[in-house]
């Protein structure tokens, strides 16, 4: 059973930074993809970042240059460093992992609020 637990969300002012963490119950090498989605009320879930087993990362244009996904293989952790935050980044951020059977697994989410 795969468990993902996010942490690190909170309230910040525009221009500030946050670092989210996702702890996996198993080795991150069990996954064929891992990363983050975000979802605001009454909006669709949007992919924020992905990282592949070989370390390849990808980002949508909305966060490219501001967000960075990384991992700590020994600790089974994936991070999302978010810089230059804007109110448009306000959302619940969900860690995801895709296992080798192509099933999607989700964390419980962590709230990020960017407001002055």
N, C-alpha and C. Protein backbone atom coordinates (compact mmCIF):
# COMPACT_ATOMS: atom_id res chain seq x y z
N UNK A 1 0.85 -1.17 0.00
CA UNK A 1 0.00 0.00 0.00
C UNK A 1 0.89 1.24 0.00
N UNK A 2 0.61 2.15 -0.90
CA UNK A 2 1.38 3.37 -1.04
C UNK A 2 0.73 4.47 -0.21
N UNK A 3 1.53 5.12 0.59
CA UNK A 3 1.07 6.28 1.35
C UNK A 3 1.98 7.46 1.06
N UNK A 4 1.37 8.61 0.86
CA UNK A 4 2.07 9.85 0.60
C UNK A 4 1.57 10.90 1.58
N UNK A 5 2.47 11.59 2.22
CA UNK A 5 2.11 12.59 3.22
C UNK A 5 2.82 13.89 2.89
N UNK A 6 2.03 14.93 2.62
CA UNK A 6 2.57 16.24 2.32
C UNK A 6 2.69 17.07 3.59
N UNK A 7 3.61 18.00 3.57
CA UNK A 7 3.75 18.95 4.65
C UNK A 7 4.44 20.20 4.11
N UNK A 8 4.38 21.27 4.88
CA UNK A 8 5.09 22.48 4.53
C UNK A 8 4.24 23.63 4.06
N UNK A 9 2.94 23.41 3.89
CA UNK A 9 2.08 24.49 3.45
C UNK A 9 1.88 25.53 4.54
N UNK A 10 1.29 26.65 4.13
CA UNK A 10 1.05 27.71 5.08
C UNK A 10 0.64 28.99 4.38
N UNK A 11 0.63 30.07 5.14
CA UNK A 11 0.26 31.39 4.66
C UNK A 11 1.51 32.22 4.48
N UNK A 12 1.69 32.75 3.28
CA UNK A 12 2.84 33.60 2.98
C UNK A 12 2.38 34.81 2.20
N UNK A 13 3.22 35.83 2.18
CA UNK A 13 2.95 37.03 1.41
C UNK A 13 3.48 36.89 0.00
N UNK A 14 2.92 37.64 -0.94
CA UNK A 14 3.45 37.59 -2.31
C UNK A 14 4.94 37.87 -2.35
N UNK A 15 5.63 37.12 -3.17
CA UNK A 15 7.07 37.25 -3.30
C UNK A 15 7.87 36.34 -2.40
N UNK A 16 7.24 35.76 -1.41
CA UNK A 16 7.93 34.87 -0.49
C UNK A 16 8.00 33.46 -1.04
N UNK A 17 8.63 32.58 -0.28
CA UNK A 17 8.89 31.21 -0.72
C UNK A 17 8.36 30.21 0.28
N UNK A 18 8.09 29.02 -0.21
CA UNK A 18 7.72 27.87 0.60
C UNK A 18 8.38 26.63 0.03
N UNK A 19 8.63 25.68 0.90
CA UNK A 19 9.17 24.40 0.49
C UNK A 19 8.24 23.30 0.99
N UNK A 20 7.61 22.59 0.07
CA UNK A 20 6.73 21.49 0.41
C UNK A 20 7.50 20.18 0.39
N UNK A 21 7.09 19.26 1.25
CA UNK A 21 7.69 17.94 1.31
C UNK A 21 6.64 16.87 1.12
N UNK A 22 7.03 15.79 0.50
CA UNK A 22 6.17 14.63 0.32
C UNK A 22 6.95 13.40 0.75
N UNK A 23 6.46 12.74 1.78
CA UNK A 23 7.10 11.54 2.30
C UNK A 23 6.36 10.31 1.77
N UNK A 24 7.08 9.42 1.14
CA UNK A 24 6.52 8.21 0.59
C UNK A 24 6.78 7.03 1.52
N UNK A 25 5.84 6.10 1.54
CA UNK A 25 5.96 4.95 2.42
C UNK A 25 6.92 3.89 1.88
N UNK A 26 7.25 3.98 0.62
CA UNK A 26 8.17 3.05 -0.01
C UNK A 26 9.21 3.84 -0.79
N UNK A 27 10.17 3.13 -1.33
CA UNK A 27 11.19 3.77 -2.14
C UNK A 27 10.58 4.51 -3.31
N UNK A 28 11.08 5.70 -3.56
CA UNK A 28 10.56 6.47 -4.69
C UNK A 28 10.92 5.82 -6.02
N UNK A 29 11.83 4.88 -6.01
CA UNK A 29 12.15 4.14 -7.22
C UNK A 29 11.08 3.11 -7.56
N UNK A 30 10.11 2.91 -6.68
CA UNK A 30 8.95 2.09 -6.99
C UNK A 30 8.01 2.78 -7.97
N UNK A 31 8.20 4.06 -8.18
CA UNK A 31 7.29 4.86 -8.98
C UNK A 31 7.87 5.17 -10.34
N UNK A 32 7.01 5.19 -11.34
CA UNK A 32 7.45 5.57 -12.68
C UNK A 32 7.33 7.07 -12.90
N UNK A 33 6.65 7.75 -11.99
CA UNK A 33 6.57 9.20 -12.03
C UNK A 33 6.14 9.69 -10.66
N UNK A 34 6.52 10.89 -10.33
CA UNK A 34 6.17 11.47 -9.05
C UNK A 34 6.19 12.98 -9.20
N UNK A 35 5.40 13.66 -8.37
CA UNK A 35 5.40 15.10 -8.44
C UNK A 35 4.24 15.71 -7.70
N UNK A 36 3.75 16.84 -8.24
CA UNK A 36 2.78 17.65 -7.54
C UNK A 36 1.69 18.15 -8.47
N UNK A 37 0.46 18.16 -7.96
CA UNK A 37 -0.67 18.84 -8.55
C UNK A 37 -1.15 19.89 -7.56
N UNK A 38 -1.94 20.83 -8.05
CA UNK A 38 -2.61 21.77 -7.17
C UNK A 38 -4.04 21.97 -7.63
N UNK A 39 -4.90 22.34 -6.68
CA UNK A 39 -6.30 22.52 -6.98
C UNK A 39 -6.88 23.62 -6.10
N UNK A 40 -7.53 24.58 -6.73
CA UNK A 40 -8.24 25.64 -6.04
C UNK A 40 -9.72 25.32 -6.04
N UNK A 41 -10.48 25.91 -5.12
CA UNK A 41 -11.92 25.65 -5.09
C UNK A 41 -12.58 25.94 -6.43
N UNK A 42 -13.44 25.04 -6.87
CA UNK A 42 -14.19 25.18 -8.10
C UNK A 42 -13.30 25.24 -9.34
N UNK A 43 -12.09 24.74 -9.23
CA UNK A 43 -11.19 24.68 -10.37
C UNK A 43 -10.67 23.27 -10.54
N UNK A 44 -10.21 22.98 -11.74
CA UNK A 44 -9.67 21.67 -12.03
C UNK A 44 -8.29 21.50 -11.41
N UNK A 45 -7.96 20.28 -11.13
CA UNK A 45 -6.64 19.96 -10.65
C UNK A 45 -5.63 20.16 -11.78
N UNK A 46 -4.54 20.83 -11.47
CA UNK A 46 -3.54 21.20 -12.47
C UNK A 46 -2.19 20.63 -12.08
N UNK A 47 -1.53 20.04 -13.04
CA UNK A 47 -0.19 19.52 -12.80
C UNK A 47 0.78 20.68 -12.59
N UNK A 48 1.59 20.56 -11.54
CA UNK A 48 2.56 21.59 -11.20
C UNK A 48 3.98 21.16 -11.55
N UNK A 49 4.29 19.91 -11.30
CA UNK A 49 5.64 19.43 -11.57
C UNK A 49 5.67 17.92 -11.58
N UNK A 50 6.62 17.37 -12.31
CA UNK A 50 6.86 15.94 -12.32
C UNK A 50 8.35 15.69 -12.24
N UNK A 51 8.69 14.54 -11.71
CA UNK A 51 10.06 14.08 -11.72
C UNK A 51 10.05 12.59 -12.01
N UNK A 52 10.87 12.18 -12.95
CA UNK A 52 10.95 10.80 -13.38
C UNK A 52 12.05 10.08 -12.63
N UNK A 53 12.07 8.75 -12.69
CA UNK A 53 13.13 8.01 -11.99
C UNK A 53 14.53 8.42 -12.39
N UNK A 54 14.72 8.85 -13.63
CA UNK A 54 16.05 9.28 -14.06
C UNK A 54 16.36 10.72 -13.68
N UNK A 55 15.45 11.37 -12.97
CA UNK A 55 15.65 12.73 -12.52
C UNK A 55 15.14 13.80 -13.44
N UNK A 56 14.59 13.44 -14.56
CA UNK A 56 14.04 14.42 -15.49
C UNK A 56 12.84 15.12 -14.86
N UNK A 57 12.80 16.42 -14.97
CA UNK A 57 11.72 17.21 -14.40
C UNK A 57 10.98 17.98 -15.48
N UNK A 58 9.76 18.35 -15.18
CA UNK A 58 8.97 19.16 -16.10
C UNK A 58 8.03 20.05 -15.31
N UNK A 59 7.67 21.18 -15.92
CA UNK A 59 6.82 22.17 -15.27
C UNK A 59 5.95 22.84 -16.31
N UNK A 60 4.75 23.26 -15.91
CA UNK A 60 3.96 24.09 -16.81
C UNK A 60 4.52 25.51 -16.84
N UNK A 61 4.14 26.26 -17.85
CA UNK A 61 4.65 27.61 -17.99
C UNK A 61 4.29 28.50 -16.81
N UNK A 62 3.18 28.21 -16.15
CA UNK A 62 2.72 29.05 -15.05
C UNK A 62 3.68 29.06 -13.87
N UNK A 63 4.50 28.01 -13.73
CA UNK A 63 5.41 27.94 -12.59
C UNK A 63 6.86 27.79 -13.01
N UNK A 64 7.11 27.58 -14.27
CA UNK A 64 8.48 27.37 -14.74
C UNK A 64 9.35 28.57 -14.39
N UNK A 65 10.52 28.27 -13.84
CA UNK A 65 11.42 29.32 -13.40
C UNK A 65 11.23 29.73 -11.96
N UNK A 66 10.10 29.37 -11.36
CA UNK A 66 9.82 29.70 -9.97
C UNK A 66 9.79 28.47 -9.07
N UNK A 67 9.29 27.36 -9.59
CA UNK A 67 9.16 26.13 -8.82
C UNK A 67 10.23 25.14 -9.23
N UNK A 68 10.69 24.36 -8.26
CA UNK A 68 11.68 23.33 -8.52
C UNK A 68 11.31 22.07 -7.74
N UNK A 69 11.21 20.96 -8.42
CA UNK A 69 10.96 19.68 -7.77
C UNK A 69 12.29 18.95 -7.62
N UNK A 70 12.49 18.34 -6.48
CA UNK A 70 13.71 17.60 -6.21
C UNK A 70 13.39 16.41 -5.32
N UNK A 71 14.39 15.58 -5.08
CA UNK A 71 14.14 14.38 -4.29
C UNK A 71 15.35 14.04 -3.43
N UNK A 72 15.07 13.33 -2.36
CA UNK A 72 16.08 12.73 -1.51
C UNK A 72 15.82 11.23 -1.53
N UNK A 73 16.57 10.52 -2.32
CA UNK A 73 16.31 9.10 -2.52
C UNK A 73 16.43 8.29 -1.23
N UNK A 74 17.42 8.63 -0.41
CA UNK A 74 17.66 7.87 0.81
C UNK A 74 16.52 8.01 1.80
N UNK A 75 15.84 9.15 1.79
CA UNK A 75 14.77 9.41 2.74
C UNK A 75 13.38 9.24 2.15
N UNK A 76 13.30 8.83 0.90
CA UNK A 76 12.01 8.66 0.22
C UNK A 76 11.19 9.95 0.26
N UNK A 77 11.85 11.05 -0.03
CA UNK A 77 11.22 12.36 0.03
C UNK A 77 11.28 13.05 -1.33
N UNK A 78 10.22 13.74 -1.66
CA UNK A 78 10.16 14.61 -2.81
C UNK A 78 9.77 15.99 -2.33
N UNK A 79 10.43 17.00 -2.87
CA UNK A 79 10.21 18.37 -2.45
C UNK A 79 9.68 19.21 -3.60
N UNK A 80 9.02 20.28 -3.23
CA UNK A 80 8.65 21.31 -4.18
C UNK A 80 9.04 22.66 -3.59
N UNK A 81 10.09 23.23 -4.14
CA UNK A 81 10.52 24.56 -3.73
C UNK A 81 9.77 25.58 -4.56
N UNK A 82 9.07 26.48 -3.91
CA UNK A 82 8.24 27.47 -4.58
C UNK A 82 8.75 28.86 -4.22
N UNK A 83 9.21 29.57 -5.21
CA UNK A 83 9.74 30.91 -5.03
C UNK A 83 8.85 31.93 -5.73
N UNK A 84 9.00 33.18 -5.34
CA UNK A 84 8.27 34.28 -5.98
C UNK A 84 6.78 33.99 -6.06
N UNK A 85 6.22 33.57 -4.96
CA UNK A 85 4.82 33.17 -4.94
C UNK A 85 3.88 34.35 -5.18
N UNK A 86 2.79 34.07 -5.85
CA UNK A 86 1.76 35.06 -6.14
C UNK A 86 0.43 34.54 -5.64
N UNK A 87 -0.57 35.42 -5.49
CA UNK A 87 -1.89 34.93 -5.07
C UNK A 87 -2.47 33.86 -5.97
N UNK A 88 -2.09 33.85 -7.24
CA UNK A 88 -2.57 32.83 -8.16
C UNK A 88 -2.04 31.45 -7.84
N UNK A 89 -1.02 31.37 -6.99
CA UNK A 89 -0.50 30.09 -6.57
C UNK A 89 -1.28 29.49 -5.41
N UNK A 90 -2.23 30.22 -4.86
CA UNK A 90 -3.03 29.72 -3.75
C UNK A 90 -3.82 28.50 -4.18
N UNK A 91 -3.66 27.41 -3.44
CA UNK A 91 -4.33 26.16 -3.78
C UNK A 91 -3.97 25.12 -2.74
N UNK A 92 -4.66 24.00 -2.81
CA UNK A 92 -4.24 22.81 -2.09
C UNK A 92 -3.27 22.05 -3.00
N UNK A 93 -2.11 21.75 -2.49
CA UNK A 93 -1.09 21.07 -3.25
C UNK A 93 -1.06 19.60 -2.86
N UNK A 94 -1.13 18.74 -3.87
CA UNK A 94 -1.18 17.30 -3.67
C UNK A 94 0.06 16.65 -4.26
N UNK A 95 0.69 15.85 -3.47
CA UNK A 95 1.75 15.00 -3.98
C UNK A 95 1.13 13.79 -4.68
N UNK A 96 1.74 13.38 -5.78
CA UNK A 96 1.26 12.19 -6.46
C UNK A 96 2.41 11.26 -6.80
N UNK A 97 2.06 10.01 -6.95
CA UNK A 97 3.01 9.01 -7.42
C UNK A 97 2.27 8.03 -8.31
N UNK A 98 2.91 7.66 -9.39
CA UNK A 98 2.37 6.65 -10.28
C UNK A 98 3.21 5.39 -10.14
N UNK A 99 2.55 4.30 -9.77
CA UNK A 99 3.24 3.04 -9.63
C UNK A 99 3.34 2.34 -10.97
N UNK A 100 4.05 1.24 -10.99
CA UNK A 100 4.37 0.59 -12.25
C UNK A 100 3.17 -0.06 -12.92
N UNK A 101 2.06 -0.18 -12.19
CA UNK A 101 0.81 -0.62 -12.80
C UNK A 101 -0.01 0.54 -13.34
N UNK A 102 0.58 1.74 -13.33
CA UNK A 102 -0.02 2.98 -13.83
C UNK A 102 -1.13 3.51 -12.95
N UNK A 103 -1.25 3.02 -11.74
CA UNK A 103 -2.20 3.57 -10.78
C UNK A 103 -1.67 4.86 -10.19
N UNK A 104 -2.56 5.81 -9.97
CA UNK A 104 -2.21 7.08 -9.36
C UNK A 104 -2.49 7.03 -7.87
N UNK A 105 -1.56 7.56 -7.09
CA UNK A 105 -1.69 7.62 -5.65
C UNK A 105 -1.50 9.07 -5.21
N UNK A 106 -2.28 9.47 -4.23
CA UNK A 106 -2.32 10.87 -3.81
C UNK A 106 -2.11 11.02 -2.33
N UNK A 107 -1.46 12.11 -1.96
CA UNK A 107 -1.40 12.49 -0.58
C UNK A 107 -2.66 13.21 -0.15
N UNK A 108 -2.70 13.63 1.10
CA UNK A 108 -3.90 14.26 1.64
C UNK A 108 -4.02 15.73 1.27
N UNK A 109 -2.95 16.32 0.79
CA UNK A 109 -2.94 17.71 0.40
C UNK A 109 -2.45 18.63 1.50
N UNK A 110 -1.85 19.72 1.10
CA UNK A 110 -1.42 20.75 2.04
C UNK A 110 -1.78 22.11 1.45
N UNK A 111 -2.36 22.95 2.28
CA UNK A 111 -2.87 24.24 1.82
C UNK A 111 -1.75 25.26 1.72
N UNK A 112 -1.69 25.92 0.58
CA UNK A 112 -0.80 27.05 0.38
C UNK A 112 -1.65 28.28 0.08
N UNK A 113 -1.49 29.30 0.88
CA UNK A 113 -2.23 30.54 0.70
C UNK A 113 -1.24 31.69 0.56
N UNK A 114 -1.36 32.43 -0.52
CA UNK A 114 -0.49 33.56 -0.79
C UNK A 114 -1.36 34.81 -0.77
N UNK A 115 -1.16 35.64 0.22
CA UNK A 115 -2.01 36.81 0.41
C UNK A 115 -1.26 37.87 1.18
N UNK A 116 -1.55 39.11 0.85
CA UNK A 116 -0.99 40.24 1.58
C UNK A 116 -1.96 40.77 2.61
